[in-house]
PDB file of N, CA and C in Angstrom:
ATOM      1  N   MET A   1     101.628 106.555  86.609  1.00  0.00           N
ATOM      2  CA  MET A   1     101.769 107.104  87.948  1.00  0.00           C
ATOM      3  C   MET A   1     101.287 108.536  87.918  1.00  0.00           C
ATOM      4  N   CYS A   2     100.166 108.788  88.482  1.00  0.00           N
ATOM      5  CA  CYS A   2      99.706 110.161  88.578  1.00  0.00           C
ATOM      6  C   CYS A   2      99.125 110.388  89.960  1.00  0.00           C
ATOM      7  N   ASN A   3      99.029 111.622  90.317  1.00  0.00           N
ATOM      8  CA  ASN A   3      98.474 112.009  91.617  1.00  0.00           C
ATOM      9  C   ASN A   3      99.267 111.483  92.799  1.00  0.00           C
ATOM     10  N   TYR A   4     100.589 111.429  92.660  1.00  0.00           N
ATOM     11  CA  TYR A   4     101.457 111.062  93.761  1.00  0.00           C
ATOM     12  C   TYR A   4     102.320 112.260  94.122  1.00  0.00           C
ATOM     13  N   LYS A   5     102.564 112.433  95.411  1.00  0.00           N
ATOM     14  CA  LYS A   5     103.421 113.514  95.881  1.00  0.00           C
ATOM     15  C   LYS A   5     104.602 112.890  96.618  1.00  0.00           C
ATOM     16  N   VAL A   6     105.817 113.244  96.208  1.00  0.00           N
ATOM     17  CA  VAL A   6     107.015 112.742  96.879  1.00  0.00           C
ATOM     18  C   VAL A   6     107.082 113.376  98.264  1.00  0.00           C
ATOM     19  N   GLU A   7     107.194 112.522  99.280  1.00  0.00           N
ATOM     20  CA  GLU A   7     107.272 112.978 100.668  1.00  0.00           C
ATOM     21  C   GLU A   7     108.712 113.034 101.164  1.00  0.00           C
ATOM     22  N   ARG A   8     109.490 111.982 100.857  1.00  0.00           N
ATOM     23  CA  ARG A   8     110.882 111.915 101.318  1.00  0.00           C
ATOM     24  C   ARG A   8     111.731 111.201 100.273  1.00  0.00           C
ATOM     25  N   ASN A   9     112.990 111.588 100.177  1.00  0.00           N
ATOM     26  CA  ASN A   9     113.975 110.929  99.310  1.00  0.00           C
ATOM     27  C   ASN A   9     114.989 110.198 100.168  1.00  0.00           C
ATOM     28  N   ASN A  10     115.627 109.204  99.583  1.00  0.00           N
ATOM     29  CA  ASN A  10     116.720 108.471 100.234  1.00  0.00           C
ATOM     30  C   ASN A  10     116.304 107.841 101.557  1.00  0.00           C
ATOM     31  N   VAL A  11     115.141 107.212 101.589  1.00  0.00           N
ATOM     32  CA  VAL A  11     114.607 106.577 102.789  1.00  0.00           C
ATOM     33  C   VAL A  11     115.198 105.172 102.919  1.00  0.00           C
ATOM     34  N   PRO A  12     115.788 104.824 104.067  1.00  0.00           N
ATOM     35  CA  PRO A  12     116.266 103.451 104.271  1.00  0.00           C
ATOM     36  C   PRO A  12     115.115 102.559 104.730  1.00  0.00           C
ATOM     37  N   ILE A  13     114.969 101.376 104.127  1.00  0.00           N
ATOM     38  CA  ILE A  13     113.906 100.447 104.480  1.00  0.00           C
ATOM     39  C   ILE A  13     114.536  99.137 104.955  1.00  0.00           C
ATOM     40  N   PRO A  14     114.315  98.738 106.217  1.00  0.00           N
ATOM     41  CA  PRO A  14     114.851  97.467 106.691  1.00  0.00           C
ATOM     42  C   PRO A  14     114.105  96.296 106.030  1.00  0.00           C
ATOM     43  N   GLU A  15     114.851  95.268 105.638  1.00  0.00           N
ATOM     44  CA  GLU A  15     114.265  94.078 105.011  1.00  0.00           C
ATOM     45  C   GLU A  15     114.432  92.886 105.940  1.00  0.00           C
ATOM     46  N   HIS A  16     113.397  92.043 105.978  1.00  0.00           N
ATOM     47  CA  HIS A  16     113.405  90.851 106.822  1.00  0.00           C
ATOM     48  C   HIS A  16     113.021  89.638 105.988  1.00  0.00           C
ATOM     49  N   ASP A  17     113.524  88.477 106.385  1.00  0.00           N
ATOM     50  CA  ASP A  17     113.154  87.253 105.674  1.00  0.00           C
ATOM     51  C   ASP A  17     111.805  86.743 106.197  1.00  0.00           C
ATOM     52  N   ALA A  18     111.364  85.603 105.690  1.00  0.00           N
ATOM     53  CA  ALA A  18     110.057  85.049 106.055  1.00  0.00           C
ATOM     54  C   ALA A  18     109.943  84.731 107.550  1.00  0.00           C
ATOM     55  N   ASP A  19     111.092  84.515 108.208  1.00  0.00           N
ATOM     56  CA  ASP A  19     111.087  84.233 109.646  1.00  0.00           C
ATOM     57  C   ASP A  19     111.140  85.498 110.488  1.00  0.00           C
ATOM     58  N   GLY A  20     111.243  86.651 109.822  1.00  0.00           N
ATOM     59  CA  GLY A  20     111.307  87.914 110.543  1.00  0.00           C
ATOM     60  C   GLY A  20     112.712  88.355 110.902  1.00  0.00           C
ATOM     61  N   ASP A  21     113.719  87.602 110.443  1.00  0.00           N
ATOM     62  CA  ASP A  21     115.106  87.973 110.736  1.00  0.00           C
ATOM     63  C   ASP A  21     115.561  89.080 109.797  1.00  0.00           C
ATOM     64  N   PHE A  22     116.273  90.052 110.346  1.00  0.00           N
ATOM     65  CA  PHE A  22     116.805  91.159 109.556  1.00  0.00           C
ATOM     66  C   PHE A  22     117.832  90.634 108.566  1.00  0.00           C
ATOM     67  N   VAL A  23     117.707  91.044 107.294  1.00  0.00           N
ATOM     68  CA  VAL A  23     118.654  90.575 106.275  1.00  0.00           C
ATOM     69  C   VAL A  23     119.389  91.716 105.585  1.00  0.00           C
ATOM     70  N   GLY A  24     119.005  92.935 105.827  1.00  0.00           N
ATOM     71  CA  GLY A  24     119.686  94.063 105.201  1.00  0.00           C
ATOM     72  C   GLY A  24     118.780  95.279 105.080  1.00  0.00           C
ATOM     73  N   THR A  25     119.298  96.297 104.427  1.00  0.00           N
ATOM     74  CA  THR A  25     118.566  97.544 104.270  1.00  0.00           C
ATOM     75  C   THR A  25     118.548  97.950 102.808  1.00  0.00           C
ATOM     76  N   VAL A  26     117.362  98.265 102.308  1.00  0.00           N
ATOM     77  CA  VAL A  26     117.230  98.828 100.969  1.00  0.00           C
ATOM     78  C   VAL A  26     117.425 100.328 101.130  1.00  0.00           C
ATOM     79  N   ARG A  27     118.323 100.907 100.347  1.00  0.00           N
ATOM     80  CA  ARG A  27     118.633 102.331 100.486  1.00  0.00           C
ATOM     81  C   ARG A  27     118.132 103.123  99.279  1.00  0.00           C
ATOM     82  N   ASN A  28     118.067 104.420  99.438  1.00  0.00           N
ATOM     83  CA  ASN A  28     117.705 105.359  98.368  1.00  0.00           C
ATOM     84  C   ASN A  28     116.279 105.152  97.854  1.00  0.00           C
ATOM     85  N   VAL A  29     115.361 104.789  98.750  1.00  0.00           N
ATOM     86  CA  VAL A  29     113.954 104.619  98.398  1.00  0.00           C
ATOM     87  C   VAL A  29     113.274 105.987  98.410  1.00  0.00           C
ATOM     88  N   ILE A  30     112.355 106.189  97.472  1.00  0.00           N
ATOM     89  CA  ILE A  30     111.557 107.415  97.445  1.00  0.00           C
ATOM     90  C   ILE A  30     110.190 107.086  98.032  1.00  0.00           C
ATOM     91  N   GLU A  31     109.789 107.855  99.041  1.00  0.00           N
ATOM     92  CA  GLU A  31     108.475 107.662  99.642  1.00  0.00           C
ATOM     93  C   GLU A  31     107.514 108.677  99.044  1.00  0.00           C
ATOM     94  N   ALA A  32     106.399 108.185  98.536  1.00  0.00           N
ATOM     95  CA  ALA A  32     105.392 109.054  97.941  1.00  0.00           C
ATOM     96  C   ALA A  32     104.020 108.666  98.459  1.00  0.00           C
ATOM     97  N   ARG A  33     103.120 109.621  98.474  1.00  0.00           N
ATOM     98  CA  ARG A  33     101.748 109.393  98.917  1.00  0.00           C
ATOM     99  C   ARG A  33     100.793 109.646  97.763  1.00  0.00           C
ATOM    100  N   ARG A  34      99.796 108.801  97.658  1.00  0.00           N
ATOM    101  CA  ARG A  34      98.795 108.978  96.616  1.00  0.00           C
ATOM    102  C   ARG A  34      97.775 110.010  97.089  1.00  0.00           C
ATOM    103  N   ILE A  35      97.545 111.016  96.266  1.00  0.00           N
ATOM    104  CA  ILE A  35      96.548 112.033  96.591  1.00  0.00           C
ATOM    105  C   ILE A  35      95.342 111.919  95.687  1.00  0.00           C
ATOM    106  N   GLY A  36      95.385 111.022  94.779  1.00  0.00           N
ATOM    107  CA  GLY A  36      94.257 110.717  93.910  1.00  0.00           C
ATOM    108  C   GLY A  36      94.304 109.229  93.704  1.00  0.00           C
ATOM    109  N   GLY A  37      94.343 108.822  92.496  1.00  0.00           N
ATOM    110  CA  GLY A  37      94.516 107.407  92.259  1.00  0.00           C
ATOM    111  C   GLY A  37      94.559 107.065  90.792  1.00  0.00           C
ATOM    112  N   CYS A  38      95.501 106.236  90.436  1.00  0.00           N
ATOM    113  CA  CYS A  38      95.502 105.696  89.087  1.00  0.00           C
ATOM    114  C   CYS A  38      96.295 104.405  88.994  1.00  0.00           C
ATOM    115  N   THR A  39      96.895 103.959  90.106  1.00  0.00           N
ATOM    116  CA  THR A  39      97.512 102.630  90.086  1.00  0.00           C
ATOM    117  C   THR A  39      96.486 101.634  90.576  1.00  0.00           C
ATOM    118  N   GLU A  40      96.661 100.396  90.202  1.00  0.00           N
ATOM    119  CA  GLU A  40      95.712  99.347  90.556  1.00  0.00           C
ATOM    120  C   GLU A  40      96.479  98.147  91.089  1.00  0.00           C
ATOM    121  N   GLY A  41      95.753  97.195  91.645  1.00  0.00           N
ATOM    122  CA  GLY A  41      96.379  95.958  92.070  1.00  0.00           C
ATOM    123  C   GLY A  41      97.130  95.334  90.898  1.00  0.00           C
ATOM    124  N   GLY A  42      98.327  94.845  91.163  1.00  0.00           N
ATOM    125  CA  GLY A  42      99.128  94.243  90.105  1.00  0.00           C
ATOM    126  C   GLY A  42     100.119  95.201  89.476  1.00  0.00           C
ATOM    127  N   ASP A  43     100.083  96.492  89.863  1.00  0.00           N
ATOM    128  CA  ASP A  43     101.016  97.476  89.304  1.00  0.00           C
ATOM    129  C   ASP A  43     102.419  97.376  89.911  1.00  0.00           C
ATOM    130  N   SER A  44     102.554  96.714  91.069  1.00  0.00           N
ATOM    131  CA  SER A  44     103.869  96.603  91.703  1.00  0.00           C
ATOM    132  C   SER A  44     104.876  96.018  90.723  1.00  0.00           C
ATOM    133  N   GLY A  45     106.058  96.594  90.722  1.00  0.00           N
ATOM    134  CA  GLY A  45     107.120  96.158  89.816  1.00  0.00           C
ATOM    135  C   GLY A  45     107.168  96.966  88.539  1.00  0.00           C
ATOM    136  N   GLY A  46     106.145  97.785  88.301  1.00  0.00           N
ATOM    137  CA  GLY A  46     106.139  98.638  87.108  1.00  0.00           C
ATOM    138  C   GLY A  46     107.134  99.770  87.238  1.00  0.00           C
ATOM    139  N   LEU A  47     107.711 100.168  86.136  1.00  0.00           N
ATOM    140  CA  LEU A  47     108.701 101.245  86.139  1.00  0.00           C
ATOM    141  C   LEU A  47     108.034 102.615  86.111  1.00  0.00           C
ATOM    142  N   VAL A  48     108.655 103.562  86.789  1.00  0.00           N
ATOM    143  CA  VAL A  48     108.259 104.962  86.723  1.00  0.00           C
ATOM    144  C   VAL A  48     109.400 105.673  86.024  1.00  0.00           C
ATOM    145  N   PHE A  49     109.100 106.439  84.982  1.00  0.00           N
ATOM    146  CA  PHE A  49     110.162 107.057  84.197  1.00  0.00           C
ATOM    147  C   PHE A  49     109.710 108.396  83.640  1.00  0.00           C
ATOM    148  N   THR A  50     110.689 109.142  83.159  1.00  0.00           N
ATOM    149  CA  THR A  50     110.459 110.423  82.501  1.00  0.00           C
ATOM    150  C   THR A  50     111.032 110.336  81.097  1.00  0.00           C
ATOM    151  N   ILE A  51     110.337 110.930  80.144  1.00  0.00           N
ATOM    152  CA  ILE A  51     110.870 111.033  78.792  1.00  0.00           C
ATOM    153  C   ILE A  51     111.296 112.479  78.578  1.00  0.00           C
ATOM    154  N   GLU A  52     112.577 112.671  78.346  1.00  0.00           N
ATOM    155  CA  GLU A  52     113.137 114.004  78.154  1.00  0.00           C
ATOM    156  C   GLU A  52     112.757 114.553  76.775  1.00  0.00           C
ATOM    157  N   SER A  53     112.924 115.849  76.591  1.00  0.00           N
ATOM    158  CA  SER A  53     112.570 116.481  75.317  1.00  0.00           C
ATOM    159  C   SER A  53     113.378 115.930  74.148  1.00  0.00           C
ATOM    160  N   ASP A  54     114.584 115.390  74.430  1.00  0.00           N
ATOM    161  CA  ASP A  54     115.410 114.815  73.358  1.00  0.00           C
ATOM    162  C   ASP A  54     115.075 113.347  73.097  1.00  0.00           C
ATOM    163  N   GLY A  55     114.041 112.817  73.804  1.00  0.00           N
ATOM    164  CA  GLY A  55     113.632 111.433  73.620  1.00  0.00           C
ATOM    165  C   GLY A  55     114.307 110.455  74.555  1.00  0.00           C
ATOM    166  N   CYS A  56     115.267 110.917  75.354  1.00  0.00           N
ATOM    167  CA  CYS A  56     115.971 110.052  76.292  1.00  0.00           C
ATOM    168  C   CYS A  56     115.007 109.645  77.420  1.00  0.00           C
ATOM    169  N   VAL A  57     115.007 108.367  77.769  1.00  0.00           N
ATOM    170  CA  VAL A  57     114.171 107.851  78.842  1.00  0.00           C
ATOM    171  C   VAL A  57     115.011 107.727  80.111  1.00  0.00           C
ATOM    172  N   ILE A  58     114.534 108.297  81.203  1.00  0.00           N
ATOM    173  CA  ILE A  58     115.256 108.252  82.478  1.00  0.00           C
ATOM    174  C   ILE A  58     114.398 107.511  83.497  1.00  0.00           C
ATOM    175  N   ALA A  59     114.931 106.392  84.023  1.00  0.00           N
ATOM    176  CA  ALA A  59     114.223 105.629  85.051  1.00  0.00           C
ATOM    177  C   ALA A  59     114.212 106.416  86.352  1.00  0.00           C
ATOM    178  N   LYS A  60     113.077 106.425  87.029  1.00  0.00           N
ATOM    179  CA  LYS A  60     112.936 107.143  88.296  1.00  0.00           C
ATOM    180  C   LYS A  60     112.869 106.186  89.482  1.00  0.00           C
ATOM    181  N   TRP A  61     111.951 105.216  89.422  1.00  0.00           N
ATOM    182  CA  TRP A  61     111.837 104.218  90.460  1.00  0.00           C
ATOM    183  C   TRP A  61     110.926 103.089  89.999  1.00  0.00           C
ATOM    184  N   ILE A  62     110.681 102.120  90.885  1.00  0.00           N
ATOM    185  CA  ILE A  62     109.807 100.990  90.609  1.00  0.00           C
ATOM    186  C   ILE A  62     108.631 101.066  91.569  1.00  0.00           C
ATOM    187  N   ILE A  63     107.425 100.858  91.068  1.00  0.00           N
ATOM    188  CA  ILE A  63     106.239 100.890  91.914  1.00  0.00           C
ATOM    189  C   ILE A  63     106.274  99.704  92.853  1.00  0.00           C
ATOM    190  N   SER A  64     106.037  99.975  94.141  1.00  0.00           N
ATOM    191  CA  SER A  64     106.015  98.915  95.155  1.00  0.00           C
ATOM    192  C   SER A  64     104.829  99.144  96.077  1.00  0.00           C
ATOM    193  N   GLY A  65     104.256  98.095  96.575  1.00  0.00           N
ATOM    194  CA  GLY A  65     103.104  98.207  97.476  1.00  0.00           C
ATOM    195  C   GLY A  65     103.482  98.903  98.765  1.00  0.00           C
ATOM    196  N   GLY A  66     102.490  99.259  99.499  1.00  0.00           N
ATOM    197  CA  GLY A  66     102.721  99.913 100.784  1.00  0.00           C
ATOM    198  C   GLY A  66     101.435 100.001 101.547  1.00  0.00           C
ATOM    199  N   LYS A  67     101.410 100.875 102.534  1.00  0.00           N
ATOM    200  CA  LYS A  67     100.200 101.070 103.334  1.00  0.00           C
ATOM    201  C   LYS A  67      99.119 101.649 102.439  1.00  0.00           C
ATOM    202  N   GLY A  68      97.912 101.151 102.584  1.00  0.00           N
ATOM    203  CA  GLY A  68      96.928 101.590 101.642  1.00  0.00           C
ATOM    204  C   GLY A  68      95.804 102.337 102.131  1.00  0.00           C
TER     205      GLY A  68
END
């Protein structure tokens, strides 16, 4: 994940089933915009993480598709 800028934190996203019926809300989503590019088709579901100086890995979010 490179060349992304976080636009908003804690964004609620309404979820709908295949029939279009509301089924719930996904909360605490991070909205980011690509200002360059390095993800490709098929990257959805990949983890975004940080490795701390002590070697600890901290999960940040999961890559998900969006407006392109």
